[in-house]
C-alpha atoms as a PDB file:
ATOM      1  CA  MET A   1       0.000   0.000   0.000  1.00  0.00           C
ATOM      2  CA  GLN A   2       1.304   3.414  -1.001  1.00  0.00           C
ATOM      3  CA  ILE A   3       0.076   6.893  -0.169  1.00  0.00           C
ATOM      4  CA  VAL A   4      -1.196   7.441  -3.720  1.00  0.00           C
ATOM      5  CA  ASP A   5      -3.468   4.383  -3.376  1.00  0.00           C
ATOM      6  CA  ILE A   6      -4.954   5.826  -0.192  1.00  0.00           C
ATOM      7  CA  LEU A   7      -5.453   9.217  -1.857  1.00  0.00           C
ATOM      8  CA  LYS A   8      -7.242   7.673  -4.826  1.00  0.00           C
ATOM      9  CA  ALA A   9      -9.509   5.626  -2.553  1.00  0.00           C
ATOM     10  CA  ALA A  10     -10.311   8.768  -0.590  1.00  0.00           C
ATOM     11  CA  GLN A  11     -11.145  10.691  -3.743  1.00  0.00           C
ATOM     12  CA  GLN A  12     -13.409   7.914  -5.037  1.00  0.00           C
ATOM     13  CA  GLN A  13     -15.364   7.988  -1.767  1.00  0.00           C
ATOM     14  CA  ASN A  14     -15.588  11.806  -1.638  1.00  0.00           C
ATOM     15  CA  SER A  15     -13.557  11.879   1.555  1.00  0.00           C
ATOM     16  CA  SER A  16     -12.466  15.245   2.905  1.00  0.00           C
ATOM     17  CA  ASP A  17      -9.699  14.002   5.221  1.00  0.00           C
ATOM     18  CA  ILE A  18      -7.421  11.012   5.706  1.00  0.00           C
ATOM     19  CA  HIS A  19      -6.068   9.899   9.097  1.00  0.00           C
ATOM     20  CA  ILE A  20      -2.999   7.660   9.261  1.00  0.00           C
ATOM     21  CA  ALA A  21      -1.752   6.446  12.651  1.00  0.00           C
ATOM     22  CA  PRO A  22      -0.115   3.276  13.997  1.00  0.00           C
ATOM     23  CA  GLY A  23      -2.457   0.968  15.859  1.00  0.00           C
ATOM     24  CA  ASN A  24      -5.397   1.850  13.595  1.00  0.00           C
ATOM     25  CA  PRO A  25      -6.494   1.164  10.040  1.00  0.00           C
ATOM     26  CA  VAL A  26      -6.396   4.064   7.596  1.00  0.00           C
ATOM     27  CA  MET A  27      -9.453   6.209   8.378  1.00  0.00           C
ATOM     28  CA  LEU A  28     -11.344   8.451   5.952  1.00  0.00           C
ATOM     29  CA  ARG A  29     -13.629  11.282   6.995  1.00  0.00           C
ATOM     30  CA  ILE A  30     -16.707  10.975   4.803  1.00  0.00           C
ATOM     31  CA  ASP A  31     -19.570  13.440   5.309  1.00  0.00           C
ATOM     32  CA  GLY A  32     -18.118  14.299   8.705  1.00  0.00           C
ATOM     33  CA  MET A  33     -17.833  10.691   9.939  1.00  0.00           C
ATOM     34  CA  LEU A  34     -14.643   8.628  10.314  1.00  0.00           C
ATOM     35  CA  VAL A  35     -14.803   5.409   8.265  1.00  0.00           C
ATOM     36  CA  PRO A  36     -12.095   2.692   8.576  1.00  0.00           C
ATOM     37  CA  GLN A  37     -10.614   1.342   5.356  1.00  0.00           C
ATOM     38  CA  GLY A  38     -10.489  -2.388   5.910  1.00  0.00           C
ATOM     39  CA  ASN A  39      -9.219  -4.160   8.991  1.00  0.00           C
ATOM     40  CA  GLN A  40      -5.467  -3.834   8.476  1.00  0.00           C
ATOM     41  CA  VAL A  41      -4.000  -2.176  11.552  1.00  0.00           C
ATOM     42  CA  LEU A  42      -0.919  -0.128  10.693  1.00  0.00           C
ATOM     43  CA  THR A  43       2.359  -0.772  12.484  1.00  0.00           C
ATOM     44  CA  ASN A  44       4.894   1.938  13.324  1.00  0.00           C
ATOM     45  CA  VAL A  45       7.088   0.819  10.428  1.00  0.00           C
ATOM     46  CA  GLU A  46       4.197   0.791   7.943  1.00  0.00           C
ATOM     47  CA  THR A  47       3.107   4.254   9.018  1.00  0.00           C
ATOM     48  CA  ASP A  48       6.637   5.640   8.695  1.00  0.00           C
ATOM     49  CA  ASN A  49       6.973   4.040   5.245  1.00  0.00           C
ATOM     50  CA  LEU A  50       3.734   5.704   4.128  1.00  0.00           C
ATOM     51  CA  LEU A  51       4.601   9.143   5.444  1.00  0.00           C
ATOM     52  CA  SER A  52       8.338   9.435   4.840  1.00  0.00           C
ATOM     53  CA  PRO A  53       8.071   9.906   1.030  1.00  0.00           C
ATOM     54  CA  ILE A  54       5.651  12.837   1.306  1.00  0.00           C
ATOM     55  CA  VAL A  55       7.675  14.919   3.791  1.00  0.00           C
ATOM     56  CA  PRO A  56       9.896  17.354   1.842  1.00  0.00           C
ATOM     57  CA  GLN A  57      13.569  16.551   2.354  1.00  0.00           C
ATOM     58  CA  GLU A  58      14.351  20.098   3.483  1.00  0.00           C
ATOM     59  CA  LEU A  59      11.680  19.885   6.211  1.00  0.00           C
ATOM     60  CA  LYS A  60      12.569  16.512   7.730  1.00  0.00           C
ATOM     61  CA  ASP A  61      14.940  18.067  10.261  1.00  0.00           C
ATOM     62  CA  VAL A  62      12.195  20.541  11.241  1.00  0.00           C
ATOM     63  CA  LEU A  63       9.795  17.649  11.845  1.00  0.00           C
ATOM     64  CA  LYS A  64      12.398  15.822  13.900  1.00  0.00           C
ATOM     65  CA  GLU A  65      13.117  18.914  15.999  1.00  0.00           C
ATOM     66  CA  LYS A  66       9.579  20.233  16.522  1.00  0.00           C
ATOM     67  CA  GLY A  67       7.593  17.008  16.392  1.00  0.00           C
ATOM     68  CA  GLU A  68       4.975  18.403  14.010  1.00  0.00           C
ATOM     69  CA  LEU A  69       4.877  19.874  10.536  1.00  0.00           C
ATOM     70  CA  ASP A  70       2.347  21.551   8.236  1.00  0.00           C
ATOM     71  CA  PHE A  71       2.967  21.422   4.496  1.00  0.00           C
ATOM     72  CA  ALA A  72       1.256  20.782   1.170  1.00  0.00           C
ATOM     73  CA  PHE A  73       2.309  18.649  -1.762  1.00  0.00           C
ATOM     74  CA  SER A  74       1.106  17.788  -5.258  1.00  0.00           C
ATOM     75  CA  VAL A  75       0.501  14.347  -6.740  1.00  0.00           C
ATOM     76  CA  GLU A  76       0.898  14.468 -10.511  1.00  0.00           C
ATOM     77  CA  GLY A  77      -2.334  13.722 -12.319  1.00  0.00           C
ATOM     78  CA  PHE A  78      -4.265  13.680  -9.050  1.00  0.00           C
ATOM     79  CA  SER A  79      -4.516  16.749  -6.816  1.00  0.00           C
ATOM     80  CA  ARG A  80      -2.851  18.797  -4.104  1.00  0.00           C
ATOM     81  CA  VAL A  81      -2.874  17.598  -0.529  1.00  0.00           C
ATOM     82  CA  ARG A  82      -2.519  19.532   2.723  1.00  0.00           C
ATOM     83  CA  ALA A  83      -0.687  17.547   5.380  1.00  0.00           C
ATOM     84  CA  ASN A  84      -0.063  17.741   9.107  1.00  0.00           C
ATOM     85  CA  VAL A  85       2.465  15.131  10.213  1.00  0.00           C
ATOM     86  CA  PHE A  86       3.142  14.796  13.929  1.00  0.00           C
ATOM     87  CA  ARG A  87       4.983  12.595  16.387  1.00  0.00           C
ATOM     88  CA  GLN A  88       2.962  10.533  18.856  1.00  0.00           C
ATOM     89  CA  ARG A  89       4.173   7.848  21.251  1.00  0.00           C
ATOM     90  CA  GLY A  90       7.537   7.677  19.503  1.00  0.00           C
ATOM     91  CA  SER A  91       6.235   7.229  15.967  1.00  0.00           C
ATOM     92  CA  TYR A  92       4.539   9.436  13.390  1.00  0.00           C
ATOM     93  CA  ALA A  93       0.931   9.997  12.389  1.00  0.00           C
ATOM     94  CA  ALA A  94      -0.740  12.325   9.907  1.00  0.00           C
ATOM     95  CA  ALA A  95      -3.928  14.085   8.924  1.00  0.00           C
ATOM     96  CA  LEU A  96      -4.229  14.751   5.189  1.00  0.00           C
ATOM     97  CA  ARG A  97      -6.757  16.887   3.349  1.00  0.00           C
ATOM     98  CA  ILE A  98      -7.366  16.506  -0.374  1.00  0.00           C
ATOM     99  CA  LEU A  99      -7.470  19.767  -2.310  1.00  0.00           C
ATOM    100  CA  SER A 100      -8.417  20.431  -5.894  1.00  0.00           C
ATOM    101  CA  TYR A 101      -5.866  21.672  -8.418  1.00  0.00           C
ATOM    102  CA  ASP A 102      -8.525  24.114  -9.576  1.00  0.00           C
ATOM    103  CA  VAL A 103      -9.703  26.838  -7.218  1.00  0.00           C
ATOM    104  CA  PRO A 104     -13.484  26.409  -6.722  1.00  0.00           C
ATOM    105  CA  THR A 105     -15.653  29.277  -7.918  1.00  0.00           C
ATOM    106  CA  PRO A 106     -17.944  31.153  -5.514  1.00  0.00           C
ATOM    107  CA  GLN A 107     -20.896  29.607  -7.344  1.00  0.00           C
ATOM    108  CA  GLN A 108     -19.572  26.091  -6.711  1.00  0.00           C
ATOM    109  CA  LEU A 109     -19.154  26.884  -3.018  1.00  0.00           C
ATOM    110  CA  GLY A 110     -22.505  28.641  -2.665  1.00  0.00           C
ATOM    111  CA  ILE A 111     -20.879  31.881  -1.492  1.00  0.00           C
ATOM    112  CA  PRO A 112     -23.522  34.653  -1.370  1.00  0.00           C
ATOM    113  CA  GLN A 113     -23.185  37.393  -3.980  1.00  0.00           C
ATOM    114  CA  SER A 114     -22.983  40.025  -1.246  1.00  0.00           C
ATOM    115  CA  VAL A 115     -19.759  38.352  -0.101  1.00  0.00           C
ATOM    116  CA  VAL A 116     -18.348  38.192  -3.632  1.00  0.00           C
ATOM    117  CA  ASN A 117     -19.086  41.921  -3.935  1.00  0.00           C
ATOM    118  CA  LEU A 118     -16.553  42.554  -1.153  1.00  0.00           C
ATOM    119  CA  THR A 119     -13.811  41.707  -3.671  1.00  0.00           C
ATOM    120  CA  THR A 120     -14.523  45.022  -5.431  1.00  0.00           C
ATOM    121  CA  LYS A 121     -13.491  47.066  -2.379  1.00  0.00           C
ATOM    122  CA  MET A 122     -10.330  49.099  -2.829  1.00  0.00           C
ATOM    123  CA  ARG A 123      -9.341  48.975   0.835  1.00  0.00           C
ATOM    124  CA  GLY A 124     -10.477  47.546   4.149  1.00  0.00           C
ATOM    125  CA  LEU A 125     -10.560  44.299   6.118  1.00  0.00           C
ATOM    126  CA  VAL A 126     -12.599  41.207   5.217  1.00  0.00           C
ATOM    127  CA  LEU A 127     -12.691  38.260   7.644  1.00  0.00           C
ATOM    128  CA  VAL A 128     -13.797  34.664   7.149  1.00  0.00           C
ATOM    129  CA  THR A 129     -14.457  32.852  10.415  1.00  0.00           C
ATOM    130  CA  GLY A 130     -15.398  29.358  11.455  1.00  0.00           C
ATOM    131  CA  ALA A 131     -14.191  26.213  13.158  1.00  0.00           C
ATOM    132  CA  THR A 132     -11.231  24.190  11.932  1.00  0.00           C
ATOM    133  CA  GLY A 133     -12.278  22.311   8.801  1.00  0.00           C
ATOM    134  CA  SER A 134     -15.196  24.609   7.976  1.00  0.00           C
ATOM    135  CA  GLY A 135     -13.767  25.632   4.598  1.00  0.00           C
ATOM    136  CA  LYS A 136     -12.406  29.076   5.464  1.00  0.00           C
ATOM    137  CA  SER A 137      -9.249  28.787   3.366  1.00  0.00           C
ATOM    138  CA  THR A 138     -11.222  27.482   0.384  1.00  0.00           C
ATOM    139  CA  THR A 139     -13.620  30.425   0.585  1.00  0.00           C
ATOM    140  CA  LEU A 140     -10.710  32.868   0.733  1.00  0.00           C
ATOM    141  CA  ALA A 141      -8.928  31.166  -2.171  1.00  0.00           C
ATOM    142  CA  SER A 142     -12.104  31.474  -4.234  1.00  0.00           C
ATOM    143  CA  LEU A 143     -12.437  35.197  -3.476  1.00  0.00           C
ATOM    144  CA  ILE A 144      -8.757  35.834  -4.260  1.00  0.00           C
ATOM    145  CA  ASP A 145      -9.154  33.975  -7.553  1.00  0.00           C
ATOM    146  CA  VAL A 146     -12.088  36.219  -8.474  1.00  0.00           C
ATOM    147  CA  ILE A 147      -9.866  39.276  -8.034  1.00  0.00           C
ATOM    148  CA  ALA A 148      -6.941  37.685  -9.892  1.00  0.00           C
ATOM    149  CA  ALA A 149      -9.119  36.858 -12.897  1.00  0.00           C
ATOM    150  CA  ARG A 150     -11.033  40.151 -13.032  1.00  0.00           C
ATOM    151  CA  ASP A 151      -8.599  42.880 -11.978  1.00  0.00           C
ATOM    152  CA  SER A 152      -5.039  43.990 -12.626  1.00  0.00           C
ATOM    153  CA  LYS A 153      -3.717  43.874  -9.050  1.00  0.00           C
ATOM    154  CA  ASN A 154      -0.611  42.960  -7.093  1.00  0.00           C
ATOM    155  CA  ILE A 155      -1.842  40.230  -4.725  1.00  0.00           C
ATOM    156  CA  ILE A 156       0.328  38.820  -1.946  1.00  0.00           C
ATOM    157  CA  THR A 157      -0.846  35.757  -0.020  1.00  0.00           C
ATOM    158  CA  LEU A 158       0.703  34.607   3.267  1.00  0.00           C
ATOM    159  CA  GLU A 159      -0.240  30.992   3.966  1.00  0.00           C
ATOM    160  CA  ASP A 160       0.651  28.088   6.258  1.00  0.00           C
ATOM    161  CA  PRO A 161       0.839  26.001   4.136  1.00  0.00           C
ATOM    162  CA  ILE A 162       0.006  27.094   0.567  1.00  0.00           C
ATOM    163  CA  GLU A 163      -3.083  25.112  -0.367  1.00  0.00           C
ATOM    164  CA  TYR A 164      -4.407  26.306  -3.722  1.00  0.00           C
ATOM    165  CA  LEU A 165      -2.101  27.511  -6.486  1.00  0.00           C
ATOM    166  CA  HIS A 166      -3.347  30.654  -8.211  1.00  0.00           C
ATOM    167  CA  SER A 167      -2.560  30.951 -11.905  1.00  0.00           C
ATOM    168  CA  ARG A 168      -1.252  34.285 -13.123  1.00  0.00           C
ATOM    169  CA  ARG A 169      -4.081  35.931 -14.984  1.00  0.00           C
ATOM    170  CA  ARG A 170      -4.649  39.685 -15.046  1.00  0.00           C
ATOM    171  CA  SER A 171      -3.086  40.023 -11.609  1.00  0.00           C
ATOM    172  CA  ILE A 172       0.303  39.230 -10.145  1.00  0.00           C
ATOM    173  CA  VAL A 173      -0.164  36.650  -7.367  1.00  0.00           C
ATOM    174  CA  ALA A 174       2.820  36.081  -5.061  1.00  0.00           C
ATOM    175  CA  GLN A 175       2.199  33.186  -2.656  1.00  0.00           C
ATOM    176  CA  ARG A 176       4.471  32.971   0.410  1.00  0.00           C
ATOM    177  CA  GLU A 177       4.520  30.035   2.807  1.00  0.00           C
ATOM    178  CA  VAL A 178       5.215  30.557   6.504  1.00  0.00           C
ATOM    179  CA  GLY A 179       8.182  28.468   7.600  1.00  0.00           C
ATOM    180  CA  LYS A 180       9.416  28.096   4.050  1.00  0.00           C
ATOM    181  CA  ASP A 181       9.448  31.539   2.421  1.00  0.00           C
ATOM    182  CA  THR A 182       9.137  33.626   5.588  1.00  0.00           C
ATOM    183  CA  LEU A 183       9.540  33.190   9.335  1.00  0.00           C
ATOM    184  CA  SER A 184       6.062  34.238  10.472  1.00  0.00           C
ATOM    185  CA  TYR A 185       2.792  35.866   9.454  1.00  0.00           C
ATOM    186  CA  ALA A 186       3.781  39.057  11.260  1.00  0.00           C
ATOM    187  CA  ALA A 187       7.184  39.286   9.555  1.00  0.00           C
ATOM    188  CA  ALA A 188       5.718  38.541   6.133  1.00  0.00           C
ATOM    189  CA  LEU A 189       2.928  41.067   6.630  1.00  0.00           C
ATOM    190  CA  ARG A 190       5.387  43.802   7.582  1.00  0.00           C
ATOM    191  CA  ALA A 191       7.428  42.985   4.485  1.00  0.00           C
ATOM    192  CA  ALA A 192       4.320  42.891   2.284  1.00  0.00           C
ATOM    193  CA  LEU A 193       3.622  46.535   3.051  1.00  0.00           C
ATOM    194  CA  ARG A 194       6.908  47.370   1.291  1.00  0.00           C
ATOM    195  CA  GLN A 195       6.049  45.273  -1.782  1.00  0.00           C
ATOM    196  CA  ASP A 196       3.484  47.633  -3.343  1.00  0.00           C
ATOM    197  CA  PRO A 197       0.489  45.331  -2.735  1.00  0.00           C
ATOM    198  CA  ASP A 198      -3.116  46.029  -3.655  1.00  0.00           C
ATOM    199  CA  VAL A 199      -4.523  42.937  -1.926  1.00  0.00           C
ATOM    200  CA  ILE A 200      -3.055  40.951   0.981  1.00  0.00           C
ATOM    201  CA  LEU A 201      -4.268  37.576   2.225  1.00  0.00           C
ATOM    202  CA  VAL A 202      -3.182  36.635   5.754  1.00  0.00           C
ATOM    203  CA  GLY A 203      -3.914  32.943   6.263  1.00  0.00           C
ATOM    204  CA  GLU A 204      -4.663  33.396   9.949  1.00  0.00           C
ATOM    205  CA  MET A 205      -4.456  36.212  12.481  1.00  0.00           C
ATOM    206  CA  ARG A 206      -3.044  34.488  15.536  1.00  0.00           C
ATOM    207  CA  ASP A 207      -1.414  37.211  17.594  1.00  0.00           C
ATOM    208  CA  LEU A 208      -1.455  40.871  18.539  1.00  0.00           C
ATOM    209  CA  GLU A 209       1.290  41.887  16.106  1.00  0.00           C
ATOM    210  CA  THR A 210      -0.364  40.250  13.101  1.00  0.00           C
ATOM    211  CA  ILE A 211      -3.787  41.698  13.920  1.00  0.00           C
ATOM    212  CA  SER A 212      -2.351  45.163  14.537  1.00  0.00           C
ATOM    213  CA  THR A 213      -0.356  45.132  11.292  1.00  0.00           C
ATOM    214  CA  ALA A 214      -3.362  43.858   9.321  1.00  0.00           C
ATOM    215  CA  ILE A 215      -5.484  46.745  10.623  1.00  0.00           C
ATOM    216  CA  THR A 216      -2.708  49.188   9.715  1.00  0.00           C
ATOM    217  CA  ALA A 217      -2.486  47.679   6.225  1.00  0.00           C
ATOM    218  CA  ALA A 218      -6.224  48.153   5.752  1.00  0.00           C
ATOM    219  CA  GLU A 219      -5.990  51.728   7.043  1.00  0.00           C
ATOM    220  CA  THR A 220      -3.243  52.587   4.573  1.00  0.00           C
ATOM    221  CA  GLY A 221      -5.201  51.682   1.456  1.00  0.00           C
ATOM    222  CA  HIS A 222      -4.908  47.918   1.069  1.00  0.00           C
ATOM    223  CA  LEU A 223      -7.640  45.282   0.849  1.00  0.00           C
ATOM    224  CA  VAL A 224      -6.821  42.664   3.488  1.00  0.00           C
ATOM    225  CA  PHE A 225      -8.408  39.216   3.800  1.00  0.00           C
ATOM    226  CA  SER A 226      -7.872  36.925   6.781  1.00  0.00           C
ATOM    227  CA  THR A 227      -9.419  34.255   9.017  1.00  0.00           C
ATOM    228  CA  LEU A 228     -10.270  33.738  12.678  1.00  0.00           C
ATOM    229  CA  HIS A 229     -11.458  30.683  14.591  1.00  0.00           C
ATOM    230  CA  THR A 230     -14.823  31.978  15.832  1.00  0.00           C
ATOM    231  CA  ASN A 231     -18.386  30.858  15.201  1.00  0.00           C
ATOM    232  CA  SER A 232     -19.981  34.240  14.499  1.00  0.00           C
ATOM    233  CA  SER A 233     -19.184  37.742  13.309  1.00  0.00           C
ATOM    234  CA  SER A 234     -19.751  39.304  16.736  1.00  0.00           C
ATOM    235  CA  ASP A 235     -17.404  36.748  18.322  1.00  0.00           C
ATOM    236  CA  ALA A 236     -14.774  37.630  15.701  1.00  0.00           C
ATOM    237  CA  ILE A 237     -14.869  41.298  16.673  1.00  0.00           C
ATOM    238  CA  ASP A 238     -14.594  40.508  20.378  1.00  0.00           C
ATOM    239  CA  ARG A 239     -11.738  38.074  19.724  1.00  0.00           C
ATOM    240  CA  MET A 240      -9.719  40.703  17.870  1.00  0.00           C
ATOM    241  CA  ILE A 241     -10.279  43.343  20.542  1.00  0.00           C
ATOM    242  CA  ASP A 242      -9.512  40.989  23.432  1.00  0.00           C
ATOM    243  CA  VAL A 243      -6.044  40.218  22.053  1.00  0.00           C
ATOM    244  CA  PHE A 244      -4.973  43.745  23.011  1.00  0.00           C
ATOM    245  CA  PRO A 245      -4.270  44.988  26.555  1.00  0.00           C
ATOM    246  CA  PRO A 246      -7.164  46.936  28.137  1.00  0.00           C
ATOM    247  CA  HIS A 247      -5.564  50.355  27.690  1.00  0.00           C
ATOM    248  CA  GLN A 248      -5.376  49.830  23.893  1.00  0.00           C
ATOM    249  CA  GLN A 249      -8.772  48.269  23.302  1.00  0.00           C
ATOM    250  CA  GLN A 250     -10.792  51.443  22.733  1.00  0.00           C
ATOM    251  CA  GLN A 251      -8.293  52.685  20.158  1.00  0.00           C
ATOM    252  CA  ILE A 252      -8.444  49.321  18.370  1.00  0.00           C
ATOM    253  CA  ARG A 253     -12.256  49.481  18.373  1.00  0.00           C
ATOM    254  CA  VAL A 254     -12.070  52.865  16.652  1.00  0.00           C
ATOM    255  CA  GLN A 255      -9.549  51.608  14.104  1.00  0.00           C
ATOM    256  CA  LEU A 256     -11.449  48.380  13.448  1.00  0.00           C
ATOM    257  CA  SER A 257     -14.751  50.210  13.016  1.00  0.00           C
ATOM    258  CA  GLY A 258     -13.100  52.327  10.345  1.00  0.00           C
ATOM    259  CA  VAL A 259     -11.512  49.549   8.271  1.00  0.00           C
ATOM    260  CA  LEU A 260     -13.871  46.577   8.598  1.00  0.00           C
ATOM    261  CA  GLU A 261     -15.808  45.849   5.404  1.00  0.00           C
ATOM    262  CA  GLY A 262     -17.320  42.463   6.110  1.00  0.00           C
ATOM    263  CA  ILE A 263     -17.245  39.246   8.120  1.00  0.00           C
ATOM    264  CA  VAL A 264     -18.337  35.861   6.821  1.00  0.00           C
ATOM    265  CA  ALA A 265     -18.912  33.069   9.351  1.00  0.00           C
ATOM    266  CA  GLN A 266     -19.407  29.572   7.983  1.00  0.00           C
ATOM    267  CA  HIS A 267     -20.180  25.982   8.960  1.00  0.00           C
ATOM    268  CA  LEU A 268     -20.090  22.825   6.838  1.00  0.00           C
ATOM    269  CA  LEU A 269     -23.341  20.886   7.224  1.00  0.00           C
ATOM    270  CA  PRO A 270     -23.892  17.228   6.244  1.00  0.00           C
ATOM    271  CA  MET A 271     -26.526  16.856   3.509  1.00  0.00           C
ATOM    272  CA  VAL A 272     -29.267  14.241   3.457  1.00  0.00           C
ATOM    273  CA  ASN A 273     -28.025  12.736   0.183  1.00  0.00           C
ATOM    274  CA  GLY A 274     -24.336  12.780   1.114  1.00  0.00           C
ATOM    275  CA  GLY A 275     -21.730  15.469   0.844  1.00  0.00           C
ATOM    276  CA  ARG A 276     -21.614  18.708   2.784  1.00  0.00           C
ATOM    277  CA  ILE A 277     -22.833  22.238   2.176  1.00  0.00           C
ATOM    278  CA  ALA A 278     -21.552  25.524   3.577  1.00  0.00           C
ATOM    279  CA  ALA A 279     -23.947  27.650   5.618  1.00  0.00           C
ATOM    280  CA  PHE A 280     -23.082  31.330   5.946  1.00  0.00           C
ATOM    281  CA  GLU A 281     -23.599  34.299   8.234  1.00  0.00           C
ATOM    282  CA  VAL A 282     -22.829  37.579   6.465  1.00  0.00           C
ATOM    283  CA  LEU A 283     -22.038  40.888   8.159  1.00  0.00           C
ATOM    284  CA  LEU A 284     -21.493  43.949   5.975  1.00  0.00           C
ATOM    285  CA  ALA A 285     -20.110  46.971   7.786  1.00  0.00           C
ATOM    286  CA  ASN A 286     -22.609  49.845   7.668  1.00  0.00           C
ATOM    287  CA  ASN A 287     -22.913  52.873   9.950  1.00  0.00           C
ATOM    288  CA  ALA A 288     -24.901  50.956  12.558  1.00  0.00           C
ATOM    289  CA  ILE A 289     -22.324  48.151  12.705  1.00  0.00           C
ATOM    290  CA  ARG A 290     -19.435  50.614  12.923  1.00  0.00           C
ATOM    291  CA  ASN A 291     -21.123  52.444  15.809  1.00  0.00           C
ATOM    292  CA  LEU A 292     -21.648  49.198  17.734  1.00  0.00           C
ATOM    293  CA  ILE A 293     -17.981  48.286  17.324  1.00  0.00           C
ATOM    294  CA  ARG A 294     -16.849  51.695  18.595  1.00  0.00           C
ATOM    295  CA  GLU A 295     -19.243  51.504  21.548  1.00  0.00           C
ATOM    296  CA  ALA A 296     -18.164  47.956  22.555  1.00  0.00           C
ATOM    297  CA  LYS A 297     -21.640  46.587  21.816  1.00  0.00           C
ATOM    298  CA  ALA A 298     -20.764  43.716  19.491  1.00  0.00           C
ATOM    299  CA  PHE A 299     -23.414  41.612  21.241  1.00  0.00           C
ATOM    300  CA  GLN A 300     -26.063  43.755  19.503  1.00  0.00           C
ATOM    301  CA  ILE A 301     -24.723  42.983  16.017  1.00  0.00           C
ATOM    302  CA  PRO A 302     -27.084  40.033  15.343  1.00  0.00           C
ATOM    303  CA  SER A 303     -30.088  42.364  15.587  1.00  0.00           C
ATOM    304  CA  ILE A 304     -28.538  44.654  12.942  1.00  0.00           C
ATOM    305  CA  ILE A 305     -27.868  41.691  10.646  1.00  0.00           C
ATOM    306  CA  GLN A 306     -31.469  40.525  11.127  1.00  0.00           C
ATOM    307  CA  THR A 307     -32.875  43.891  10.032  1.00  0.00           C
ATOM    308  CA  SER A 308     -30.403  44.456   7.163  1.00  0.00           C
ATOM    309  CA  LYS A 309     -31.191  41.547   4.856  1.00  0.00           C
ATOM    310  CA  ARG A 310     -31.908  43.886   1.956  1.00  0.00           C
ATOM    311  CA  GLU A 311     -28.295  45.067   2.157  1.00  0.00           C
ATOM    312  CA  GLY A 312     -27.101  41.488   1.663  1.00  0.00           C
ATOM    313  CA  MET A 313     -26.603  40.518   5.295  1.00  0.00           C
ATOM    314  CA  MET A 314     -27.617  37.053   6.443  1.00  0.00           C
ATOM    315  CA  MET A 315     -28.141  35.281   9.753  1.00  0.00           C
ATOM    316  CA  MET A 316     -26.608  31.818  10.052  1.00  0.00           C
ATOM    317  CA  ASP A 317     -29.880  30.329  11.289  1.00  0.00           C
ATOM    318  CA  ASP A 318     -31.798  31.799   8.346  1.00  0.00           C
ATOM    319  CA  CYS A 319     -29.346  30.180   5.942  1.00  0.00           C
ATOM    320  CA  ILE A 320     -29.670  26.852   7.754  1.00  0.00           C
ATOM    321  CA  LEU A 321     -33.466  27.100   7.715  1.00  0.00           C
ATOM    322  CA  GLN A 322     -33.386  27.786   3.982  1.00  0.00           C
ATOM    323  CA  TYR A 323     -31.362  24.620   3.381  1.00  0.00           C
ATOM    324  CA  TYR A 324     -33.830  22.637   5.475  1.00  0.00           C
ATOM    325  CA  SER A 325     -36.816  24.025   3.579  1.00  0.00           C
ATOM    326  CA  GLN A 326     -35.112  23.027   0.313  1.00  0.00           C
ATOM    327  CA  GLY A 327     -34.709  19.454   1.547  1.00  0.00           C
ATOM    328  CA  LEU A 328     -30.917  19.652   1.600  1.00  0.00           C
ATOM    329  CA  ILE A 329     -30.384  18.918   5.296  1.00  0.00           C
ATOM    330  CA  ALA A 330     -32.211  16.930   7.966  1.00  0.00           C
ATOM    331  CA  PRO A 331     -34.116  18.690  10.771  1.00  0.00           C
ATOM    332  CA  GLU A 332     -31.694  17.234  13.310  1.00  0.00           C
ATOM    333  CA  THR A 333     -28.807  18.829  11.396  1.00  0.00           C
ATOM    334  CA  ALA A 334     -30.577  22.186  11.335  1.00  0.00           C
ATOM    335  CA  VAL A 335     -31.025  22.123  15.108  1.00  0.00           C
ATOM    336  CA  ALA A 336     -27.491  20.833  15.810  1.00  0.00           C
ATOM    337  CA  TYR A 337     -25.773  23.634  13.877  1.00  0.00           C
ATOM    338  CA  ALA A 338     -28.118  26.503  14.752  1.00  0.00           C
ATOM    339  CA  HIS A 339     -26.949  29.363  16.952  1.00  0.00           C
ATOM    340  CA  ASP A 340     -30.357  29.194  18.649  1.00  0.00           C
ATOM    341  CA  PRO A 341     -31.277  25.480  18.657  1.00  0.00           C
ATOM    342  CA  VAL A 342     -34.483  25.959  20.672  1.00  0.00           C
ATOM    343  CA  SER A 343     -35.848  28.451  18.173  1.00  0.00           C
ATOM    344  CA  MET A 344     -34.668  26.318  15.252  1.00  0.00           C
ATOM    345  CA  ALA A 345     -36.418  23.245  16.647  1.00  0.00           C
ATOM    346  CA  SER A 346     -39.740  25.065  16.576  1.00  0.00           C
ATOM    347  CA  ARG A 347     -39.049  26.572  13.150  1.00  0.00           C
ATOM    348  CA  VAL A 348     -38.207  23.333  11.371  1.00  0.00           C
ATOM    349  CA  HIS A 349     -41.372  21.676  12.660  1.00  0.00           C
ATOM    350  CA  LEU A 350     -43.350  24.260  10.692  1.00  0.00           C
ATOM    351  CA  TYR A 351     -42.123  22.529   7.542  1.00  0.00           C
ATOM    352  CA  TYR A 352     -43.208  18.989   8.388  1.00  0.00           C
END
């Protein structure tokens, strides 16, 4: 058994992730569930033999030193794969995610048009939020590809690792990988500001310096895209503010209220006929939203989204309810993923 055989089996079964670890059979995540592939339990030696060929030679010492490694690789005639290889109990294990060579279009991903419209902004900050594995990086790659195909821009992406490869169309797209092309997001972002960018993608805002520099970049005339691990737009705002010490938070609120253009929160929901579909919450920064950010009242943002649907905003639960009414998801799924499960339970019963 070779890694390419596992990848092909995963692709044939529409698996999103592959888990390889000694003491277990190869496991595929299919529609959110882990499914074993046969009964063969992998030994330490078999696991090492599977994983060793995919780890880049120049990164093997890093893996040995740190015990974990993120990277991506291509399989000719197949696809790209994102990998996390890590040491556990003296041997190695891995989680692999299959990526497409082609960047999905917003239409293929079901991204609302109001979100796609954010790509026409000349400056500002656009955030995509959600749990790990919710498709944030795919959504961002799709939006960046829209800009690259439509506009003549200098686009710089900072990623860990690089997942989708953007072809050079009307735009210049420079893709930099943290740990390979640059030391950190913060260092790369500081350097990007000296590289005459129009658009900057920051794969993840993890620390105060990166968040602060991203806000500065948006203030100085750049369109900045990034991600956060939060479940809603209001949580994303609070998360960014809370990174800063108390004496700086009001100033950051003022800055953020001035540069924020939109926040997209997303979940991947299992569908009744197999596969998964992305559900979205969409916040578009208007005067009311900006005032709430300045006044530290992010908790009131959902009420603004609810009353601003004509502007293109969308509540997560409304999106989920729409999928249920279209027969795409089960009522149990609608309730499980809703922000307000009690309300959703009563709403889905209206459609029985």
